[in-house]
Amino acid sequence: MLVQNKGNYILHAAGVMLIPGANKISEAEWKDFSSHPIMKKVVDDGDVVAHEEEKDFKDLKAKEAIELVKDTHDVALLNEWQEGESRTTVLEAIDAQLAVLNGENEDE
């Protein structure tokens, strides 16, 4: 399942680590993480969001997918999404995020 850490910091609880942006974890890991006493507040405050269990990245609306891409720092996950993606706007967002993560597009 996709879980989005909207903060700018790594969260770690119940043996689960969430980096900023999108994270792919199992439902069991989500259950453990979201029920942790400290993380329960973070989830309730909307700083960590689990996308619907039945939804995969390709099932998100283009706007949601692009927002998630812009907040994702996991190159392997971006590459995985890129392989299965057909929407031009989403592919452009993935390419742009990969370029940023690879240090491209900096002031030349």
PDB file of N, CA and C in Angstrom:
ATOM      1  N   MET A   1       0.838  -1.164   0.000  1.00  0.00           N
ATOM      2  CA  MET A   1       0.000   0.000   0.000  1.00  0.00           C
ATOM      3  C   MET A   1       0.888   1.233   0.000  1.00  0.00           C
ATOM      4  N   LEU A   2       0.351   2.336  -0.518  1.00  0.00           N
ATOM      5  CA  LEU A   2       1.090   3.585  -0.564  1.00  0.00           C
ATOM      6  C   LEU A   2       0.769   4.428   0.660  1.00  0.00           C
ATOM      7  N   VAL A   3       1.820   4.883   1.314  1.00  0.00           N
ATOM      8  CA  VAL A   3       1.671   5.754   2.476  1.00  0.00           C
ATOM      9  C   VAL A   3       2.530   6.980   2.217  1.00  0.00           C
ATOM     10  N   GLN A   4       1.943   8.155   2.385  1.00  0.00           N
ATOM     11  CA  GLN A   4       2.660   9.398   2.128  1.00  0.00           C
ATOM     12  C   GLN A   4       3.008  10.089   3.437  1.00  0.00           C
ATOM     13  N   ASN A   5       4.310  10.288   3.643  1.00  0.00           N
ATOM     14  CA  ASN A   5       4.811  11.069   4.770  1.00  0.00           C
ATOM     15  C   ASN A   5       4.934  12.500   4.259  1.00  0.00           C
ATOM     16  N   LYS A   6       4.033  13.374   4.689  1.00  0.00           N
ATOM     17  CA  LYS A   6       4.000  14.742   4.198  1.00  0.00           C
ATOM     18  C   LYS A   6       5.009  15.652   4.888  1.00  0.00           C
ATOM     19  N   GLY A   7       5.680  15.140   5.901  1.00  0.00           N
ATOM     20  CA  GLY A   7       6.672  15.944   6.607  1.00  0.00           C
ATOM     21  C   GLY A   7       8.017  15.928   5.900  1.00  0.00           C
ATOM     22  N   ASN A   8       8.931  16.705   6.437  1.00  0.00           N
ATOM     23  CA  ASN A   8      10.282  16.778   5.878  1.00  0.00           C
ATOM     24  C   ASN A   8      11.269  15.995   6.728  1.00  0.00           C
ATOM     25  N   TYR A   9      10.792  14.943   7.382  1.00  0.00           N
ATOM     26  CA  TYR A   9      11.624  14.192   8.295  1.00  0.00           C
ATOM     27  C   TYR A   9      11.250  12.717   8.218  1.00  0.00           C
ATOM     28  N   ILE A  10      12.157  11.870   8.599  1.00  0.00           N
ATOM     29  CA  ILE A  10      11.922  10.430   8.609  1.00  0.00           C
ATOM     30  C   ILE A  10      11.152  10.071   9.873  1.00  0.00           C
ATOM     31  N   LEU A  11      10.147   9.240   9.727  1.00  0.00           N
ATOM     32  CA  LEU A  11       9.385   8.750  10.869  1.00  0.00           C
ATOM     33  C   LEU A  11       9.692   7.271  11.049  1.00  0.00           C
ATOM     34  N   HIS A  12       9.876   6.862  12.293  1.00  0.00           N
ATOM     35  CA  HIS A  12      10.215   5.478  12.561  1.00  0.00           C
ATOM     36  C   HIS A  12       9.450   5.017  13.787  1.00  0.00           C
ATOM     37  N   ALA A  13       8.637   3.979  13.625  1.00  0.00           N
ATOM     38  CA  ALA A  13       7.885   3.421  14.760  1.00  0.00           C
ATOM     39  C   ALA A  13       7.476   1.999  14.423  1.00  0.00           C
ATOM     40  N   ALA A  14       7.414   1.172  15.424  1.00  0.00           N
ATOM     41  CA  ALA A  14       6.961  -0.223  15.295  1.00  0.00           C
ATOM     42  C   ALA A  14       7.719  -0.977  14.207  1.00  0.00           C
ATOM     43  N   GLY A  15       8.989  -0.648  14.045  1.00  0.00           N
ATOM     44  CA  GLY A  15       9.813  -1.330  13.054  1.00  0.00           C
ATOM     45  C   GLY A  15       9.588  -0.867  11.622  1.00  0.00           C
ATOM     46  N   VAL A  16       8.839   0.209  11.444  1.00  0.00           N
ATOM     47  CA  VAL A  16       8.544   0.742  10.108  1.00  0.00           C
ATOM     48  C   VAL A  16       9.186   2.119   9.985  1.00  0.00           C
ATOM     49  N   MET A  17       9.871   2.345   8.872  1.00  0.00           N
ATOM     50  CA  MET A  17      10.479   3.641   8.617  1.00  0.00           C
ATOM     51  C   MET A  17       9.815   4.271   7.396  1.00  0.00           C
ATOM     52  N   LEU A  18       9.367   5.508   7.549  1.00  0.00           N
ATOM     53  CA  LEU A  18       8.763   6.245   6.438  1.00  0.00           C
ATOM     54  C   LEU A  18       9.632   7.446   6.123  1.00  0.00           C
ATOM     55  N   ILE A  19      10.172   7.486   4.909  1.00  0.00           N
ATOM     56  CA  ILE A  19      10.932   8.647   4.481  1.00  0.00           C
ATOM     57  C   ILE A  19       9.939   9.696   3.992  1.00  0.00           C
ATOM     58  N   PRO A  20      10.344  10.952   3.879  1.00  0.00           N
ATOM     59  CA  PRO A  20       9.427  11.958   3.337  1.00  0.00           C
ATOM     60  C   PRO A  20       8.963  11.556   1.943  1.00  0.00           C
ATOM     61  N   GLY A  21       7.700  11.785   1.676  1.00  0.00           N
ATOM     62  CA  GLY A  21       7.122  11.424   0.385  1.00  0.00           C
ATOM     63  C   GLY A  21       6.451  10.075   0.437  1.00  0.00           C
ATOM     64  N   ALA A  22       6.390   9.435  -0.712  1.00  0.00           N
ATOM     65  CA  ALA A  22       5.676   8.162  -0.833  1.00  0.00           C
ATOM     66  C   ALA A  22       6.521   7.002  -0.334  1.00  0.00           C
ATOM     67  N   ASN A  23       5.850   6.068   0.298  1.00  0.00           N
ATOM     68  CA  ASN A  23       6.482   4.850   0.800  1.00  0.00           C
ATOM     69  C   ASN A  23       5.565   3.684   0.467  1.00  0.00           C
ATOM     70  N   LYS A  24       6.142   2.578   0.089  1.00  0.00           N
ATOM     71  CA  LYS A  24       5.376   1.371  -0.197  1.00  0.00           C
ATOM     72  C   LYS A  24       5.610   0.410   0.964  1.00  0.00           C
ATOM     73  N   ILE A  25       4.537   0.131   1.717  1.00  0.00           N
ATOM     74  CA  ILE A  25       4.641  -0.776   2.849  1.00  0.00           C
ATOM     75  C   ILE A  25       3.474  -1.748   2.819  1.00  0.00           C
ATOM     76  N   SER A  26       3.560  -2.796   3.599  1.00  0.00           N
ATOM     77  CA  SER A  26       2.479  -3.779   3.639  1.00  0.00           C
ATOM     78  C   SER A  26       1.353  -3.260   4.536  1.00  0.00           C
ATOM     79  N   GLU A  27       0.198  -3.863   4.393  1.00  0.00           N
ATOM     80  CA  GLU A  27      -0.937  -3.492   5.238  1.00  0.00           C
ATOM     81  C   GLU A  27      -0.638  -3.784   6.703  1.00  0.00           C
ATOM     82  N   ALA A  28       0.063  -4.871   6.980  1.00  0.00           N
ATOM     83  CA  ALA A  28       0.425  -5.210   8.355  1.00  0.00           C
ATOM     84  C   ALA A  28       1.361  -4.155   8.944  1.00  0.00           C
ATOM     85  N   GLU A  29       2.313  -3.694   8.140  1.00  0.00           N
ATOM     86  CA  GLU A  29       3.221  -2.650   8.608  1.00  0.00           C
ATOM     87  C   GLU A  29       2.447  -1.359   8.893  1.00  0.00           C
ATOM     88  N   TRP A  30       1.503  -1.027   8.014  1.00  0.00           N
ATOM     89  CA  TRP A  30       0.684   0.171   8.226  1.00  0.00           C
ATOM     90  C   TRP A  30      -0.111   0.053   9.521  1.00  0.00           C
ATOM     91  N   LYS A  31      -0.681  -1.118   9.756  1.00  0.00           N
ATOM     92  CA  LYS A  31      -1.470  -1.322  10.967  1.00  0.00           C
ATOM     93  C   LYS A  31      -0.594  -1.112  12.204  1.00  0.00           C
ATOM     94  N   ASP A  32       0.614  -1.681  12.197  1.00  0.00           N
ATOM     95  CA  ASP A  32       1.528  -1.523  13.323  1.00  0.00           C
ATOM     96  C   ASP A  32       1.944  -0.063  13.500  1.00  0.00           C
ATOM     97  N   PHE A  33       2.305   0.581  12.395  1.00  0.00           N
ATOM     98  CA  PHE A  33       2.771   1.972  12.444  1.00  0.00           C
ATOM     99  C   PHE A  33       1.663   2.905  12.922  1.00  0.00           C
ATOM    100  N   SER A  34       0.494   2.811  12.311  1.00  0.00           N
ATOM    101  CA  SER A  34      -0.595   3.750  12.613  1.00  0.00           C
ATOM    102  C   SER A  34      -1.206   3.537  13.991  1.00  0.00           C
ATOM    103  N   SER A  35      -0.994   2.370  14.574  1.00  0.00           N
ATOM    104  CA  SER A  35      -1.528   2.133  15.913  1.00  0.00           C
ATOM    105  C   SER A  35      -0.514   2.465  17.013  1.00  0.00           C
ATOM    106  N   HIS A  36       0.716   2.796  16.628  1.00  0.00           N
ATOM    107  CA  HIS A  36       1.720   3.194  17.611  1.00  0.00           C
ATOM    108  C   HIS A  36       1.235   4.475  18.296  1.00  0.00           C
ATOM    109  N   PRO A  37       1.324   4.561  19.631  1.00  0.00           N
ATOM    110  CA  PRO A  37       0.767   5.710  20.354  1.00  0.00           C
ATOM    111  C   PRO A  37       1.228   7.080  19.853  1.00  0.00           C
ATOM    112  N   ILE A  38       2.493   7.227  19.519  1.00  0.00           N
ATOM    113  CA  ILE A  38       2.991   8.526  19.047  1.00  0.00           C
ATOM    114  C   ILE A  38       2.553   8.778  17.601  1.00  0.00           C
ATOM    115  N   MET A  39       2.639   7.761  16.752  1.00  0.00           N
ATOM    116  CA  MET A  39       2.315   7.937  15.344  1.00  0.00           C
ATOM    117  C   MET A  39       0.821   8.078  15.104  1.00  0.00           C
ATOM    118  N   LYS A  40       0.011   7.578  16.027  1.00  0.00           N
ATOM    119  CA  LYS A  40      -1.439   7.720  15.884  1.00  0.00           C
ATOM    120  C   LYS A  40      -1.807   9.197  15.772  1.00  0.00           C
ATOM    121  N   LYS A  41      -1.168  10.047  16.553  1.00  0.00           N
ATOM    122  CA  LYS A  41      -1.436  11.491  16.489  1.00  0.00           C
ATOM    123  C   LYS A  41      -0.967  12.064  15.152  1.00  0.00           C
ATOM    124  N   VAL A  42       0.184  11.628  14.687  1.00  0.00           N
ATOM    125  CA  VAL A  42       0.711  12.104  13.406  1.00  0.00           C
ATOM    126  C   VAL A  42      -0.255  11.744  12.277  1.00  0.00           C
ATOM    127  N   VAL A  43      -0.791  10.537  12.327  1.00  0.00           N
ATOM    128  CA  VAL A  43      -1.755  10.084  11.318  1.00  0.00           C
ATOM    129  C   VAL A  43      -3.057  10.885  11.449  1.00  0.00           C
ATOM    130  N   ASP A  44      -3.534  11.041  12.685  1.00  0.00           N
ATOM    131  CA  ASP A  44      -4.770  11.796  12.917  1.00  0.00           C
ATOM    132  C   ASP A  44      -4.650  13.246  12.462  1.00  0.00           C
ATOM    133  N   ASP A  45      -3.440  13.826  12.584  1.00  0.00           N
ATOM    134  CA  ASP A  45      -3.209  15.207  12.164  1.00  0.00           C
ATOM    135  C   ASP A  45      -3.053  15.347  10.650  1.00  0.00           C
ATOM    136  N   GLY A  46      -2.982  14.222   9.920  1.00  0.00           N
ATOM    137  CA  GLY A  46      -2.862  14.264   8.463  1.00  0.00           C
ATOM    138  C   GLY A  46      -1.446  14.418   7.952  1.00  0.00           C
ATOM    139  N   ASP A  47      -0.453  14.276   8.840  1.00  0.00           N
ATOM    140  CA  ASP A  47       0.936  14.374   8.405  1.00  0.00           C
ATOM    141  C   ASP A  47       1.412  13.114   7.696  1.00  0.00           C
ATOM    142  N   VAL A  48       0.708  12.011   7.932  1.00  0.00           N
ATOM    143  CA  VAL A  48       0.962  10.747   7.238  1.00  0.00           C
ATOM    144  C   VAL A  48      -0.388  10.262   6.723  1.00  0.00           C
ATOM    145  N   VAL A  49      -0.437   9.977   5.427  1.00  0.00           N
ATOM    146  CA  VAL A  49      -1.698   9.587   4.798  1.00  0.00           C
ATOM    147  C   VAL A  49      -1.524   8.258   4.081  1.00  0.00           C
ATOM    148  N   ALA A  50      -2.430   7.344   4.364  1.00  0.00           N
ATOM    149  CA  ALA A  50      -2.447   6.068   3.648  1.00  0.00           C
ATOM    150  C   ALA A  50      -3.463   6.189   2.525  1.00  0.00           C
ATOM    151  N   HIS A  51      -3.025   5.907   1.322  1.00  0.00           N
ATOM    152  CA  HIS A  51      -3.948   5.923   0.192  1.00  0.00           C
ATOM    153  C   HIS A  51      -4.779   4.649   0.251  1.00  0.00           C
ATOM    154  N   GLU A  52      -5.989   4.734  -0.233  1.00  0.00           N
ATOM    155  CA  GLU A  52      -6.924   3.614  -0.131  1.00  0.00           C
ATOM    156  C   GLU A  52      -6.246   2.306  -0.498  1.00  0.00           C
ATOM    157  N   GLU A  53      -6.533   1.287   0.283  1.00  0.00           N
ATOM    158  CA  GLU A  53      -5.868   0.000   0.122  1.00  0.00           C
ATOM    159  C   GLU A  53      -6.038  -0.584  -1.269  1.00  0.00           C
ATOM    160  N   GLU A  54      -7.206  -0.376  -1.864  1.00  0.00           N
ATOM    161  CA  GLU A  54      -7.432  -0.974  -3.169  1.00  0.00           C
ATOM    162  C   GLU A  54      -6.808  -0.155  -4.297  1.00  0.00           C
ATOM    163  N   LYS A  55      -6.336   1.047  -3.979  1.00  0.00           N
ATOM    164  CA  LYS A  55      -5.743   1.896  -5.005  1.00  0.00           C
ATOM    165  C   LYS A  55      -4.251   1.653  -5.121  1.00  0.00           C
ATOM    166  N   ASP A  56      -3.809   1.638  -6.337  1.00  0.00           N
ATOM    167  CA  ASP A  56      -2.385   1.593  -6.625  1.00  0.00           C
ATOM    168  C   ASP A  56      -2.054   2.944  -7.254  1.00  0.00           C
ATOM    169  N   PHE A  57      -0.792   3.213  -7.499  1.00  0.00           N
ATOM    170  CA  PHE A  57      -0.398   4.505  -8.064  1.00  0.00           C
ATOM    171  C   PHE A  57      -1.144   4.797  -9.354  1.00  0.00           C
ATOM    172  N   LYS A  58      -1.260   3.804 -10.213  1.00  0.00           N
ATOM    173  CA  LYS A  58      -1.920   4.010 -11.513  1.00  0.00           C
ATOM    174  C   LYS A  58      -3.403   4.315 -11.377  1.00  0.00           C
ATOM    175  N   ASP A  59      -3.989   4.011 -10.205  1.00  0.00           N
ATOM    176  CA  ASP A  59      -5.405   4.272  -9.978  1.00  0.00           C
ATOM    177  C   ASP A  59      -5.676   5.680  -9.458  1.00  0.00           C
ATOM    178  N   LEU A  60      -4.612   6.396  -9.082  1.00  0.00           N
ATOM    179  CA  LEU A  60      -4.791   7.761  -8.603  1.00  0.00           C
ATOM    180  C   LEU A  60      -5.123   8.680  -9.769  1.00  0.00           C
ATOM    181  N   LYS A  61      -5.895   9.729  -9.492  1.00  0.00           N
ATOM    182  CA  LYS A  61      -6.149  10.746 -10.512  1.00  0.00           C
ATOM    183  C   LYS A  61      -4.815  11.397 -10.842  1.00  0.00           C
ATOM    184  N   ALA A  62      -4.685  11.905 -12.064  1.00  0.00           N
ATOM    185  CA  ALA A  62      -3.411  12.479 -12.514  1.00  0.00           C
ATOM    186  C   ALA A  62      -2.912  13.554 -11.552  1.00  0.00           C
ATOM    187  N   LYS A  63      -3.794  14.421 -11.085  1.00  0.00           N
ATOM    188  CA  LYS A  63      -3.386  15.499 -10.178  1.00  0.00           C
ATOM    189  C   LYS A  63      -2.828  14.925  -8.870  1.00  0.00           C
ATOM    190  N   GLU A  64      -3.504  13.911  -8.305  1.00  0.00           N
ATOM    191  CA  GLU A  64      -3.026  13.270  -7.080  1.00  0.00           C
ATOM    192  C   GLU A  64      -1.681  12.597  -7.314  1.00  0.00           C
ATOM    193  N   ALA A  65      -1.563  11.922  -8.456  1.00  0.00           N
ATOM    194  CA  ALA A  65      -0.326  11.218  -8.780  1.00  0.00           C
ATOM    195  C   ALA A  65       0.837  12.197  -8.908  1.00  0.00           C
ATOM    196  N   ILE A  66       0.605  13.317  -9.561  1.00  0.00           N
ATOM    197  CA  ILE A  66       1.662  14.321  -9.746  1.00  0.00           C
ATOM    198  C   ILE A  66       2.089  14.903  -8.401  1.00  0.00           C
ATOM    199  N   GLU A  67       1.139  15.194  -7.530  1.00  0.00           N
ATOM    200  CA  GLU A  67       1.469  15.716  -6.198  1.00  0.00           C
ATOM    201  C   GLU A  67       2.304  14.703  -5.417  1.00  0.00           C
ATOM    202  N   LEU A  68       1.938  13.443  -5.534  1.00  0.00           N
ATOM    203  CA  LEU A  68       2.676  12.390  -4.844  1.00  0.00           C
ATOM    204  C   LEU A  68       4.095  12.259  -5.409  1.00  0.00           C
ATOM    205  N   VAL A  69       4.224  12.340  -6.721  1.00  0.00           N
ATOM    206  CA  VAL A  69       5.533  12.269  -7.375  1.00  0.00           C
ATOM    207  C   VAL A  69       6.442  13.397  -6.881  1.00  0.00           C
ATOM    208  N   LYS A  70       5.899  14.611  -6.821  1.00  0.00           N
ATOM    209  CA  LYS A  70       6.700  15.767  -6.404  1.00  0.00           C
ATOM    210  C   LYS A  70       7.173  15.651  -4.963  1.00  0.00           C
ATOM    211  N   ASP A  71       6.519  14.807  -4.178  1.00  0.00           N
ATOM    212  CA  ASP A  71       6.853  14.638  -2.773  1.00  0.00           C
ATOM    213  C   ASP A  71       7.616  13.335  -2.516  1.00  0.00           C
ATOM    214  N   THR A  72       8.027  12.647  -3.588  1.00  0.00           N
ATOM    215  CA  THR A  72       8.680  11.347  -3.452  1.00  0.00           C
ATOM    216  C   THR A  72      10.184  11.467  -3.681  1.00  0.00           C
ATOM    217  N   HIS A  73      10.963  10.859  -2.769  1.00  0.00           N
ATOM    218  CA  HIS A  73      12.419  10.919  -2.843  1.00  0.00           C
ATOM    219  C   HIS A  73      13.030   9.544  -3.053  1.00  0.00           C
ATOM    220  N   ASP A  74      12.210   8.557  -3.280  1.00  0.00           N
ATOM    221  CA  ASP A  74      12.658   7.180  -3.471  1.00  0.00           C
ATOM    222  C   ASP A  74      12.783   6.918  -4.981  1.00  0.00           C
ATOM    223  N   VAL A  75      14.017   6.907  -5.466  1.00  0.00           N
ATOM    224  CA  VAL A  75      14.277   6.755  -6.906  1.00  0.00           C
ATOM    225  C   VAL A  75      13.726   5.434  -7.430  1.00  0.00           C
ATOM    226  N   ALA A  76      13.905   4.359  -6.677  1.00  0.00           N
ATOM    227  CA  ALA A  76      13.413   3.048  -7.114  1.00  0.00           C
ATOM    228  C   ALA A  76      11.893   3.058  -7.277  1.00  0.00           C
ATOM    229  N   LEU A  77      11.199   3.707  -6.369  1.00  0.00           N
ATOM    230  CA  LEU A  77       9.741   3.783  -6.453  1.00  0.00           C
ATOM    231  C   LEU A  77       9.315   4.632  -7.648  1.00  0.00           C
ATOM    232  N   LEU A  78      10.003   5.732  -7.888  1.00  0.00           N
ATOM    233  CA  LEU A  78       9.705   6.570  -9.054  1.00  0.00           C
ATOM    234  C   LEU A  78       9.930   5.788 -10.349  1.00  0.00           C
ATOM    235  N   ASN A  79      11.014   5.021 -10.409  1.00  0.00           N
ATOM    236  CA  ASN A  79      11.286   4.205 -11.597  1.00  0.00           C
ATOM    237  C   ASN A  79      10.206   3.149 -11.796  1.00  0.00           C
ATOM    238  N   GLU A  80       9.743   2.564 -10.701  1.00  0.00           N
ATOM    239  CA  GLU A  80       8.681   1.563 -10.777  1.00  0.00           C
ATOM    240  C   GLU A  80       7.400   2.188 -11.341  1.00  0.00           C
ATOM    241  N   TRP A  81       7.059   3.355 -10.846  1.00  0.00           N
ATOM    242  CA  TRP A  81       5.857   4.039 -11.338  1.00  0.00           C
ATOM    243  C   TRP A  81       5.998   4.412 -12.806  1.00  0.00           C
ATOM    244  N   GLN A  82       7.194   4.830 -13.192  1.00  0.00           N
ATOM    245  CA  GLN A  82       7.444   5.253 -14.560  1.00  0.00           C
ATOM    246  C   GLN A  82       7.207   4.109 -15.558  1.00  0.00           C
ATOM    247  N   GLU A  83       7.597   2.901 -15.180  1.00  0.00           N
ATOM    248  CA  GLU A  83       7.455   1.747 -16.063  1.00  0.00           C
ATOM    249  C   GLU A  83       5.996   1.435 -16.376  1.00  0.00           C
ATOM    250  N   GLY A  84       5.114   1.619 -15.413  1.00  0.00           N
ATOM    251  CA  GLY A  84       3.717   1.265 -15.623  1.00  0.00           C
ATOM    252  C   GLY A  84       2.822   2.434 -15.974  1.00  0.00           C
ATOM    253  N   GLU A  85       3.401   3.595 -16.220  1.00  0.00           N
ATOM    254  CA  GLU A  85       2.620   4.810 -16.419  1.00  0.00           C
ATOM    255  C   GLU A  85       2.446   5.139 -17.893  1.00  0.00           C
ATOM    256  N   SER A  86       1.244   5.606 -18.266  1.00  0.00           N
ATOM    257  CA  SER A  86       0.995   6.006 -19.651  1.00  0.00           C
ATOM    258  C   SER A  86       0.563   7.467 -19.770  1.00  0.00           C
ATOM    259  N   ARG A  87       0.200   8.099 -18.665  1.00  0.00           N
ATOM    260  CA  ARG A  87      -0.258   9.500 -18.704  1.00  0.00           C
ATOM    261  C   ARG A  87       0.939  10.434 -18.875  1.00  0.00           C
ATOM    262  N   THR A  88       0.895  11.244 -19.921  1.00  0.00           N
ATOM    263  CA  THR A  88       2.006  12.129 -20.273  1.00  0.00           C
ATOM    264  C   THR A  88       2.357  13.086 -19.150  1.00  0.00           C
ATOM    265  N   THR A  89       1.360  13.708 -18.536  1.00  0.00           N
ATOM    266  CA  THR A  89       1.639  14.687 -17.481  1.00  0.00           C
ATOM    267  C   THR A  89       2.306  14.031 -16.270  1.00  0.00           C
ATOM    268  N   VAL A  90       1.892  12.829 -15.968  1.00  0.00           N
ATOM    269  CA  VAL A  90       2.486  12.117 -14.836  1.00  0.00           C
ATOM    270  C   VAL A  90       3.914  11.693 -15.182  1.00  0.00           C
ATOM    271  N   LEU A  91       4.130  11.214 -16.391  1.00  0.00           N
ATOM    272  CA  LEU A  91       5.477  10.841 -16.825  1.00  0.00           C
ATOM    273  C   LEU A  91       6.420  12.047 -16.787  1.00  0.00           C
ATOM    274  N   GLU A  92       5.919  13.213 -17.200  1.00  0.00           N
ATOM    275  CA  GLU A  92       6.739  14.431 -17.155  1.00  0.00           C
ATOM    276  C   GLU A  92       7.099  14.778 -15.713  1.00  0.00           C
ATOM    277  N   ALA A  93       6.151  14.618 -14.793  1.00  0.00           N
ATOM    278  CA  ALA A  93       6.411  14.898 -13.384  1.00  0.00           C
ATOM    279  C   ALA A  93       7.450  13.928 -12.825  1.00  0.00           C
ATOM    280  N   ILE A  94       7.354  12.661 -13.203  1.00  0.00           N
ATOM    281  CA  ILE A  94       8.329  11.660 -12.744  1.00  0.00           C
ATOM    282  C   ILE A  94       9.713  12.003 -13.279  1.00  0.00           C
ATOM    283  N   ASP A  95       9.801  12.342 -14.570  1.00  0.00           N
ATOM    284  CA  ASP A  95      11.084  12.722 -15.166  1.00  0.00           C
ATOM    285  C   ASP A  95      11.689  13.926 -14.454  1.00  0.00           C
ATOM    286  N   ALA A  96      10.848  14.916 -14.156  1.00  0.00           N
ATOM    287  CA  ALA A  96      11.325  16.122 -13.479  1.00  0.00           C
ATOM    288  C   ALA A  96      11.823  15.809 -12.076  1.00  0.00           C
ATOM    289  N   GLN A  97      11.099  14.963 -11.352  1.00  0.00           N
ATOM    290  CA  GLN A  97      11.512  14.614  -9.990  1.00  0.00           C
ATOM    291  C   GLN A  97      12.799  13.797 -10.011  1.00  0.00           C
ATOM    292  N   LEU A  98      12.914  12.870 -10.954  1.00  0.00           N
ATOM    293  CA  LEU A  98      14.154  12.093 -11.071  1.00  0.00           C
ATOM    294  C   LEU A  98      15.335  13.007 -11.392  1.00  0.00           C
ATOM    295  N   ALA A  99      15.108  14.007 -12.234  1.00  0.00           N
ATOM    296  CA  ALA A  99      16.174  14.957 -12.579  1.00  0.00           C
ATOM    297  C   ALA A  99      16.611  15.722 -11.330  1.00  0.00           C
ATOM    298  N   VAL A 100      15.668  16.158 -10.523  1.00  0.00           N
ATOM    299  CA  VAL A 100      15.995  16.866  -9.291  1.00  0.00           C
ATOM    300  C   VAL A 100      16.800  15.972  -8.361  1.00  0.00           C
ATOM    301  N   LEU A 101      16.357  14.733  -8.200  1.00  0.00           N
ATOM    302  CA  LEU A 101      17.045  13.812  -7.296  1.00  0.00           C
ATOM    303  C   LEU A 101      18.438  13.433  -7.795  1.00  0.00           C
ATOM    304  N   ASN A 102      18.622  13.492  -9.114  1.00  0.00           N
ATOM    305  CA  ASN A 102      19.916  13.173  -9.696  1.00  0.00           C
ATOM    306  C   ASN A 102      20.820  14.414  -9.807  1.00  0.00           C
ATOM    307  N   GLY A 103      20.354  15.567  -9.281  1.00  0.00           N
ATOM    308  CA  GLY A 103      21.156  16.785  -9.285  1.00  0.00           C
ATOM    309  C   GLY A 103      21.160  17.513 -10.591  1.00  0.00           C
ATOM    310  N   GLU A 104      20.254  17.158 -11.480  1.00  0.00           N
ATOM    311  CA  GLU A 104      20.159  17.849 -12.766  1.00  0.00           C
ATOM    312  C   GLU A 104      19.258  19.073 -12.594  1.00  0.00           C
ATOM    313  N   ASN A 105      19.191  19.889 -13.618  1.00  0.00           N
ATOM    314  CA  ASN A 105      18.343  21.084 -13.640  1.00  0.00           C
ATOM    315  C   ASN A 105      18.740  22.102 -12.588  1.00  0.00           C
ATOM    316  N   GLU A 106      19.952  22.025 -12.098  1.00  0.00           N
ATOM    317  CA  GLU A 106      20.426  23.050 -11.180  1.00  0.00           C
ATOM    318  C   GLU A 106      20.932  24.210 -12.000  1.00  0.00           C
ATOM    319  N   ASP A 107      21.141  25.336 -11.368  1.00  0.00           N
ATOM    320  CA  ASP A 107      21.666  26.512 -12.090  1.00  0.00           C
ATOM    321  C   ASP A 107      22.937  26.118 -12.805  1.00  0.00           C
ATOM    322  N   GLU A 108      22.916  26.339 -14.098  1.00  0.00           N
ATOM    323  CA  GLU A 108      24.067  25.905 -14.908  1.00  0.00           C
ATOM    324  C   GLU A 108      25.034  27.027 -15.135  1.00  0.00           C
TER     325      GLU A 108
END
